[in-house]
């Protein structure tokens, strides 16, 4: 769970960068993401 949290945070940066390029409302499947 420790390294998973680290990798999830890194992945969130990548996803956020991709989402910002598309300029559309975004919905996530849970409150953590």
ModelCIF file with pLDDT and N, C-alpha, C, O atoms, coordinates in Angstrom:
data_MODEL
#
_entry.id   MODEL 
#
_entity.id                         1 
_entity.type                       polymer 
_entity.pdbx_number_of_molecules   1 
#
_entity_poly.entity_id                      1 
_entity_poly.type                           'polypeptide(L)' 
_entity_poly.nstd_linkage                   no 
_entity_poly.nstd_monomer                   no 
_entity_poly.pdbx_seq_one_letter_code       
;(UNK)(UNK)(UNK)(UNK)(UNK)(UNK)(UNK)(UNK)(UNK)(UNK)(UNK)(UNK)(UNK)(UNK)(UNK)(UNK)
(UNK)(UNK)(UNK)(UNK)(UNK)(UNK)(UNK)(UNK)(UNK)(UNK)(UNK)(UNK)(UNK)(UNK)(UNK)(UNK)
(UNK)
;
_entity_poly.pdbx_seq_one_letter_code_can   XXXXXXXXXXXXXXXXXXXXXXXXXXXXXXXXX 
_entity_poly.pdbx_strand_id                 A 
#
loop_
_entity_poly_seq.entity_id 
_entity_poly_seq.num 
_entity_poly_seq.mon_id 
_entity_poly_seq.hetero 
1 1  UNK n 
1 2  UNK n 
1 3  UNK n 
1 4  UNK n 
1 5  UNK n 
1 6  UNK n 
1 7  UNK n 
1 8  UNK n 
1 9  UNK n 
1 10 UNK n 
1 11 UNK n 
1 12 UNK n 
1 13 UNK n 
1 14 UNK n 
1 15 UNK n 
1 16 UNK n 
1 17 UNK n 
1 18 UNK n 
1 19 UNK n 
1 20 UNK n 
1 21 UNK n 
1 22 UNK n 
1 23 UNK n 
1 24 UNK n 
1 25 UNK n 
1 26 UNK n 
1 27 UNK n 
1 28 UNK n 
1 29 UNK n 
1 30 UNK n 
1 31 UNK n 
1 32 UNK n 
1 33 UNK n 
#
_struct_asym.id          A 
_struct_asym.entity_id   1 
#
loop_
_ma_qa_metric.id 
_ma_qa_metric.mode 
_ma_qa_metric.name 
_ma_qa_metric.software_group_id 
_ma_qa_metric.type 
1 global pLDDT . pLDDT 
2 local  pLDDT . pLDDT 
#
_ma_qa_metric_global.metric_id      1 
_ma_qa_metric_global.metric_value   93.73 
_ma_qa_metric_global.model_id       1 
_ma_qa_metric_global.ordinal_id     1 
#
loop_
_ma_qa_metric_local.label_asym_id 
_ma_qa_metric_local.label_comp_id 
_ma_qa_metric_local.label_seq_id 
_ma_qa_metric_local.metric_id 
_ma_qa_metric_local.metric_value 
_ma_qa_metric_local.model_id 
_ma_qa_metric_local.ordinal_id 
A UNK 1  2 86.00 1 1  
A UNK 2  2 85.00 1 2  
A UNK 3  2 91.00 1 3  
A UNK 4  2 92.00 1 4  
A UNK 5  2 89.00 1 5  
A UNK 6  2 90.00 1 6  
A UNK 7  2 95.00 1 7  
A UNK 8  2 95.00 1 8  
A UNK 9  2 95.00 1 9  
A UNK 10 2 96.00 1 10 
A UNK 11 2 97.00 1 11 
A UNK 12 2 97.00 1 12 
A UNK 13 2 97.00 1 13 
A UNK 14 2 97.00 1 14 
A UNK 15 2 97.00 1 15 
A UNK 16 2 96.00 1 16 
A UNK 17 2 96.00 1 17 
A UNK 18 2 96.00 1 18 
A UNK 19 2 95.00 1 19 
A UNK 20 2 94.00 1 20 
A UNK 21 2 93.00 1 21 
A UNK 22 2 93.00 1 22 
A UNK 23 2 91.00 1 23 
A UNK 24 2 94.00 1 24 
A UNK 25 2 94.00 1 25 
A UNK 26 2 96.00 1 26 
A UNK 27 2 95.00 1 27 
A UNK 28 2 95.00 1 28 
A UNK 29 2 93.00 1 29 
A UNK 30 2 92.00 1 30 
A UNK 31 2 92.00 1 31 
A UNK 32 2 93.00 1 32 
A UNK 33 2 96.00 1 33 
#
loop_
_atom_site.group_PDB 
_atom_site.id 
_atom_site.type_symbol 
_atom_site.label_atom_id 
_atom_site.label_alt_id 
_atom_site.label_comp_id 
_atom_site.label_asym_id 
_atom_site.label_entity_id 
_atom_site.label_seq_id 
_atom_site.pdbx_PDB_ins_code 
_atom_site.Cartn_x 
_atom_site.Cartn_y 
_atom_site.Cartn_z 
_atom_site.occupancy 
_atom_site.B_iso_or_equiv 
_atom_site.pdbx_formal_charge 
_atom_site.auth_seq_id 
_atom_site.auth_comp_id 
_atom_site.auth_asym_id 
_atom_site.auth_atom_id 
_atom_site.pdbx_PDB_model_num 
ATOM 1   N N  . UNK A 1 1  ? 0.816   -1.215 0.000   1.00 86.00 ? 1  UNK A N  1 
ATOM 2   C CA . UNK A 1 1  ? 0.000   0.000  0.000   1.00 86.00 ? 1  UNK A CA 1 
ATOM 3   C C  . UNK A 1 1  ? 0.855   1.273  0.000   1.00 86.00 ? 1  UNK A C  1 
ATOM 4   O O  . UNK A 1 1  ? 0.426   2.311  -0.505  1.00 86.00 ? 1  UNK A O  1 
ATOM 5   N N  . UNK A 1 2  ? 2.055   1.192  0.563   1.00 85.00 ? 2  UNK A N  1 
ATOM 6   C CA . UNK A 1 2  ? 2.919   2.376  0.625   1.00 85.00 ? 2  UNK A CA 1 
ATOM 7   C C  . UNK A 1 2  ? 3.357   2.794  -0.768  1.00 85.00 ? 2  UNK A C  1 
ATOM 8   O O  . UNK A 1 2  ? 3.162   3.940  -1.173  1.00 85.00 ? 2  UNK A O  1 
ATOM 9   N N  . UNK A 1 3  ? 3.960   1.844  -1.510  1.00 91.00 ? 3  UNK A N  1 
ATOM 10  C CA . UNK A 1 3  ? 4.417   2.180  -2.854  1.00 91.00 ? 3  UNK A CA 1 
ATOM 11  C C  . UNK A 1 3  ? 3.251   2.372  -3.813  1.00 91.00 ? 3  UNK A C  1 
ATOM 12  O O  . UNK A 1 3  ? 3.382   3.088  -4.806  1.00 91.00 ? 3  UNK A O  1 
ATOM 13  N N  . UNK A 1 4  ? 2.126   1.750  -3.535  1.00 92.00 ? 4  UNK A N  1 
ATOM 14  C CA . UNK A 1 4  ? 0.942   1.938  -4.371  1.00 92.00 ? 4  UNK A CA 1 
ATOM 15  C C  . UNK A 1 4  ? 0.467   3.394  -4.299  1.00 92.00 ? 4  UNK A C  1 
ATOM 16  O O  . UNK A 1 4  ? 0.105   3.986  -5.317  1.00 92.00 ? 4  UNK A O  1 
ATOM 17  N N  . UNK A 1 5  ? 0.472   3.961  -3.098  1.00 89.00 ? 5  UNK A N  1 
ATOM 18  C CA . UNK A 1 5  ? 0.081   5.369  -2.943  1.00 89.00 ? 5  UNK A CA 1 
ATOM 19  C C  . UNK A 1 5  ? 1.019   6.290  -3.725  1.00 89.00 ? 5  UNK A C  1 
ATOM 20  O O  . UNK A 1 5  ? 0.583   7.256  -4.351  1.00 89.00 ? 5  UNK A O  1 
ATOM 21  N N  . UNK A 1 6  ? 2.292   5.977  -3.679  1.00 90.00 ? 6  UNK A N  1 
ATOM 22  C CA . UNK A 1 6  ? 3.273   6.770  -4.426  1.00 90.00 ? 6  UNK A CA 1 
ATOM 23  C C  . UNK A 1 6  ? 3.001   6.716  -5.925  1.00 90.00 ? 6  UNK A C  1 
ATOM 24  O O  . UNK A 1 6  ? 3.027   7.741  -6.606  1.00 90.00 ? 6  UNK A O  1 
ATOM 25  N N  . UNK A 1 7  ? 2.742   5.517  -6.432  1.00 95.00 ? 7  UNK A N  1 
ATOM 26  C CA . UNK A 1 7  ? 2.497   5.351  -7.866  1.00 95.00 ? 7  UNK A CA 1 
ATOM 27  C C  . UNK A 1 7  ? 1.160   5.948  -8.280  1.00 95.00 ? 7  UNK A C  1 
ATOM 28  O O  . UNK A 1 7  ? 1.036   6.474  -9.387  1.00 95.00 ? 7  UNK A O  1 
ATOM 29  N N  . UNK A 1 8  ? 0.154   5.874  -7.404  1.00 95.00 ? 8  UNK A N  1 
ATOM 30  C CA . UNK A 1 8  ? -1.140  6.487  -7.718  1.00 95.00 ? 8  UNK A CA 1 
ATOM 31  C C  . UNK A 1 8  ? -1.004  7.996  -7.845  1.00 95.00 ? 8  UNK A C  1 
ATOM 32  O O  . UNK A 1 8  ? -1.622  8.608  -8.715  1.00 95.00 ? 8  UNK A O  1 
ATOM 33  N N  . UNK A 1 9  ? -0.208  8.586  -6.991  1.00 95.00 ? 9  UNK A N  1 
ATOM 34  C CA . UNK A 1 9  ? -0.005  10.037 -7.057  1.00 95.00 ? 9  UNK A CA 1 
ATOM 35  C C  . UNK A 1 9  ? 0.698   10.413 -8.361  1.00 95.00 ? 9  UNK A C  1 
ATOM 36  O O  . UNK A 1 9  ? 0.336   11.398 -9.006  1.00 95.00 ? 9  UNK A O  1 
ATOM 37  N N  . UNK A 1 10 ? 1.696   9.630  -8.742  1.00 96.00 ? 10 UNK A N  1 
ATOM 38  C CA . UNK A 1 10 ? 2.400   9.888  -10.004 1.00 96.00 ? 10 UNK A CA 1 
ATOM 39  C C  . UNK A 1 10 ? 1.452   9.731  -11.193 1.00 96.00 ? 10 UNK A C  1 
ATOM 40  O O  . UNK A 1 10 ? 1.500   10.521 -12.136 1.00 96.00 ? 10 UNK A O  1 
ATOM 41  N N  . UNK A 1 11 ? 0.588   8.709  -11.149 1.00 97.00 ? 11 UNK A N  1 
ATOM 42  C CA . UNK A 1 11 ? -0.374  8.493  -12.228 1.00 97.00 ? 11 UNK A CA 1 
ATOM 43  C C  . UNK A 1 11 ? -1.381  9.631  -12.301 1.00 97.00 ? 11 UNK A C  1 
ATOM 44  O O  . UNK A 1 11 ? -1.798  10.015 -13.393 1.00 97.00 ? 11 UNK A O  1 
ATOM 45  N N  . UNK A 1 12 ? -1.774  10.173 -11.161 1.00 97.00 ? 12 UNK A N  1 
ATOM 46  C CA . UNK A 1 12 ? -2.748  11.278 -11.156 1.00 97.00 ? 12 UNK A CA 1 
ATOM 47  C C  . UNK A 1 12 ? -2.207  12.498 -11.906 1.00 97.00 ? 12 UNK A C  1 
ATOM 48  O O  . UNK A 1 12 ? -2.968  13.222 -12.548 1.00 97.00 ? 12 UNK A O  1 
ATOM 49  N N  . UNK A 1 13 ? -0.893  12.723 -11.824 1.00 97.00 ? 13 UNK A N  1 
ATOM 50  C CA . UNK A 1 13 ? -0.285  13.831 -12.569 1.00 97.00 ? 13 UNK A CA 1 
ATOM 51  C C  . UNK A 1 13 ? -0.426  13.618 -14.073 1.00 97.00 ? 13 UNK A C  1 
ATOM 52  O O  . UNK A 1 13 ? -0.758  14.545 -14.811 1.00 97.00 ? 13 UNK A O  1 
ATOM 53  N N  . UNK A 1 14 ? -0.169  12.387 -14.522 1.00 97.00 ? 14 UNK A N  1 
ATOM 54  C CA . UNK A 1 14 ? -0.272  12.067 -15.951 1.00 97.00 ? 14 UNK A CA 1 
ATOM 55  C C  . UNK A 1 14 ? -1.700  12.219 -16.448 1.00 97.00 ? 14 UNK A C  1 
ATOM 56  O O  . UNK A 1 14 ? -1.940  12.807 -17.503 1.00 97.00 ? 14 UNK A O  1 
ATOM 57  N N  . UNK A 1 15 ? -2.651  11.682 -15.679 1.00 97.00 ? 15 UNK A N  1 
ATOM 58  C CA . UNK A 1 15 ? -4.062  11.754 -16.072 1.00 97.00 ? 15 UNK A CA 1 
ATOM 59  C C  . UNK A 1 15 ? -4.530  13.205 -16.103 1.00 97.00 ? 15 UNK A C  1 
ATOM 60  O O  . UNK A 1 15 ? -5.232  13.613 -17.028 1.00 97.00 ? 15 UNK A O  1 
ATOM 61  N N  . UNK A 1 16 ? -4.144  13.979 -15.100 1.00 96.00 ? 16 UNK A N  1 
ATOM 62  C CA . UNK A 1 16 ? -4.546  15.391 -15.039 1.00 96.00 ? 16 UNK A CA 1 
ATOM 63  C C  . UNK A 1 16 ? -4.029  16.151 -16.254 1.00 96.00 ? 16 UNK A C  1 
ATOM 64  O O  . UNK A 1 16 ? -4.736  16.994 -16.807 1.00 96.00 ? 16 UNK A O  1 
ATOM 65  N N  . UNK A 1 17 ? -2.809  15.859 -16.670 1.00 96.00 ? 17 UNK A N  1 
ATOM 66  C CA . UNK A 1 17 ? -2.239  16.512 -17.850 1.00 96.00 ? 17 UNK A CA 1 
ATOM 67  C C  . UNK A 1 17 ? -3.039  16.167 -19.107 1.00 96.00 ? 17 UNK A C  1 
ATOM 68  O O  . UNK A 1 17 ? -3.284  17.042 -19.937 1.00 96.00 ? 17 UNK A O  1 
ATOM 69  N N  . UNK A 1 18 ? -3.448  14.907 -19.258 1.00 96.00 ? 18 UNK A N  1 
ATOM 70  C CA . UNK A 1 18 ? -4.232  14.481 -20.414 1.00 96.00 ? 18 UNK A CA 1 
ATOM 71  C C  . UNK A 1 18 ? -5.631  15.102 -20.394 1.00 96.00 ? 18 UNK A C  1 
ATOM 72  O O  . UNK A 1 18 ? -6.150  15.502 -21.436 1.00 96.00 ? 18 UNK A O  1 
ATOM 73  N N  . UNK A 1 19 ? -6.231  15.180 -19.222 1.00 95.00 ? 19 UNK A N  1 
ATOM 74  C CA . UNK A 1 19 ? -7.576  15.740 -19.097 1.00 95.00 ? 19 UNK A CA 1 
ATOM 75  C C  . UNK A 1 19 ? -7.581  17.223 -19.452 1.00 95.00 ? 19 UNK A C  1 
ATOM 76  O O  . UNK A 1 19 ? -8.490  17.700 -20.132 1.00 95.00 ? 19 UNK A O  1 
ATOM 77  N N  . UNK A 1 20 ? -6.569  17.949 -18.995 1.00 94.00 ? 20 UNK A N  1 
ATOM 78  C CA . UNK A 1 20 ? -6.507  19.389 -19.264 1.00 94.00 ? 20 UNK A CA 1 
ATOM 79  C C  . UNK A 1 20 ? -6.414  19.693 -20.755 1.00 94.00 ? 20 UNK A C  1 
ATOM 80  O O  . UNK A 1 20 ? -6.868  20.748 -21.199 1.00 94.00 ? 20 UNK A O  1 
ATOM 81  N N  . UNK A 1 21 ? -5.835  18.790 -21.526 1.00 93.00 ? 21 UNK A N  1 
ATOM 82  C CA . UNK A 1 21 ? -5.723  18.997 -22.973 1.00 93.00 ? 21 UNK A CA 1 
ATOM 83  C C  . UNK A 1 21 ? -7.080  18.894 -23.670 1.00 93.00 ? 21 UNK A C  1 
ATOM 84  O O  . UNK A 1 21 ? -7.292  19.524 -24.706 1.00 93.00 ? 21 UNK A O  1 
ATOM 85  N N  . UNK A 1 22 ? -7.999  18.106 -23.110 1.00 93.00 ? 22 UNK A N  1 
ATOM 86  C CA . UNK A 1 22 ? -9.286  17.837 -23.758 1.00 93.00 ? 22 UNK A CA 1 
ATOM 87  C C  . UNK A 1 22 ? -10.366 18.850 -23.386 1.00 93.00 ? 22 UNK A C  1 
ATOM 88  O O  . UNK A 1 22 ? -11.356 18.978 -24.105 1.00 93.00 ? 22 UNK A O  1 
ATOM 89  N N  . UNK A 1 23 ? -10.195 19.574 -22.275 1.00 91.00 ? 23 UNK A N  1 
ATOM 90  C CA . UNK A 1 23 ? -11.117 20.642 -21.887 1.00 91.00 ? 23 UNK A CA 1 
ATOM 91  C C  . UNK A 1 23 ? -12.569 20.153 -21.807 1.00 91.00 ? 23 UNK A C  1 
ATOM 92  O O  . UNK A 1 23 ? -13.474 20.802 -22.332 1.00 91.00 ? 23 UNK A O  1 
ATOM 93  N N  . UNK A 1 24 ? -12.789 19.011 -21.151 1.00 94.00 ? 24 UNK A N  1 
ATOM 94  C CA . UNK A 1 24 ? -14.137 18.474 -20.951 1.00 94.00 ? 24 UNK A CA 1 
ATOM 95  C C  . UNK A 1 24 ? -14.349 18.161 -19.472 1.00 94.00 ? 24 UNK A C  1 
ATOM 96  O O  . UNK A 1 24 ? -13.385 17.898 -18.753 1.00 94.00 ? 24 UNK A O  1 
ATOM 97  N N  . UNK A 1 25 ? -15.613 18.188 -19.005 1.00 94.00 ? 25 UNK A N  1 
ATOM 98  C CA . UNK A 1 25 ? -15.868 17.794 -17.618 1.00 94.00 ? 25 UNK A CA 1 
ATOM 99  C C  . UNK A 1 25 ? -15.410 16.352 -17.380 1.00 94.00 ? 25 UNK A C  1 
ATOM 100 O O  . UNK A 1 25 ? -15.625 15.488 -18.231 1.00 94.00 ? 25 UNK A O  1 
ATOM 101 N N  . UNK A 1 26 ? -14.794 16.092 -16.252 1.00 96.00 ? 26 UNK A N  1 
ATOM 102 C CA . UNK A 1 26 ? -14.287 14.751 -15.969 1.00 96.00 ? 26 UNK A CA 1 
ATOM 103 C C  . UNK A 1 26 ? -14.917 14.201 -14.698 1.00 96.00 ? 26 UNK A C  1 
ATOM 104 O O  . UNK A 1 26 ? -15.077 14.916 -13.709 1.00 96.00 ? 26 UNK A O  1 
ATOM 105 N N  . UNK A 1 27 ? -15.270 12.924 -14.739 1.00 95.00 ? 27 UNK A N  1 
ATOM 106 C CA . UNK A 1 27 ? -15.871 12.228 -13.600 1.00 95.00 ? 27 UNK A CA 1 
ATOM 107 C C  . UNK A 1 27 ? -14.993 11.032 -13.241 1.00 95.00 ? 27 UNK A C  1 
ATOM 108 O O  . UNK A 1 27 ? -14.472 10.348 -14.121 1.00 95.00 ? 27 UNK A O  1 
ATOM 109 N N  . UNK A 1 28 ? -14.836 10.788 -11.938 1.00 95.00 ? 28 UNK A N  1 
ATOM 110 C CA . UNK A 1 28 ? -14.046 9.655  -11.457 1.00 95.00 ? 28 UNK A CA 1 
ATOM 111 C C  . UNK A 1 28 ? -14.949 8.630  -10.782 1.00 95.00 ? 28 UNK A C  1 
ATOM 112 O O  . UNK A 1 28 ? -16.050 8.958  -10.338 1.00 95.00 ? 28 UNK A O  1 
ATOM 113 N N  . UNK A 1 29 ? -14.477 7.386  -10.706 1.00 93.00 ? 29 UNK A N  1 
ATOM 114 C CA . UNK A 1 29 ? -15.315 6.290  -10.218 1.00 93.00 ? 29 UNK A CA 1 
ATOM 115 C C  . UNK A 1 29 ? -15.331 6.169  -8.696  1.00 93.00 ? 29 UNK A C  1 
ATOM 116 O O  . UNK A 1 29 ? -16.103 5.375  -8.159  1.00 93.00 ? 29 UNK A O  1 
ATOM 117 N N  . UNK A 1 30 ? -14.511 6.925  -7.997  1.00 92.00 ? 30 UNK A N  1 
ATOM 118 C CA . UNK A 1 30 ? -14.562 6.913  -6.536  1.00 92.00 ? 30 UNK A CA 1 
ATOM 119 C C  . UNK A 1 30 ? -14.046 8.245  -5.979  1.00 92.00 ? 30 UNK A C  1 
ATOM 120 O O  . UNK A 1 30 ? -13.520 9.075  -6.720  1.00 92.00 ? 30 UNK A O  1 
ATOM 121 N N  . UNK A 1 31 ? -14.203 8.434  -4.683  1.00 92.00 ? 31 UNK A N  1 
ATOM 122 C CA . UNK A 1 31 ? -13.829 9.725  -4.088  1.00 92.00 ? 31 UNK A CA 1 
ATOM 123 C C  . UNK A 1 31 ? -12.319 9.898  -3.978  1.00 92.00 ? 31 UNK A C  1 
ATOM 124 O O  . UNK A 1 31 ? -11.823 11.024 -3.961  1.00 92.00 ? 31 UNK A O  1 
ATOM 125 N N  . UNK A 1 32 ? -11.572 8.769  -3.902  1.00 93.00 ? 32 UNK A N  1 
ATOM 126 C CA . UNK A 1 32 ? -10.123 8.887  -3.799  1.00 93.00 ? 32 UNK A CA 1 
ATOM 127 C C  . UNK A 1 32 ? -9.529  9.522  -5.067  1.00 93.00 ? 32 UNK A C  1 
ATOM 128 O O  . UNK A 1 32 ? -8.723  10.449 -4.989  1.00 93.00 ? 32 UNK A O  1 
ATOM 129 N N  . UNK A 1 33 ? -9.938  9.009  -6.227  1.00 96.00 ? 33 UNK A N  1 
ATOM 130 C CA . UNK A 1 33 ? -9.397  9.555  -7.468  1.00 96.00 ? 33 UNK A CA 1 
ATOM 131 C C  . UNK A 1 33 ? -9.942  10.952 -7.755  1.00 96.00 ? 33 UNK A C  1 
ATOM 132 O O  . UNK A 1 33 ? -9.587  11.557 -8.766  1.00 96.00 ? 33 UNK A O  1 
#
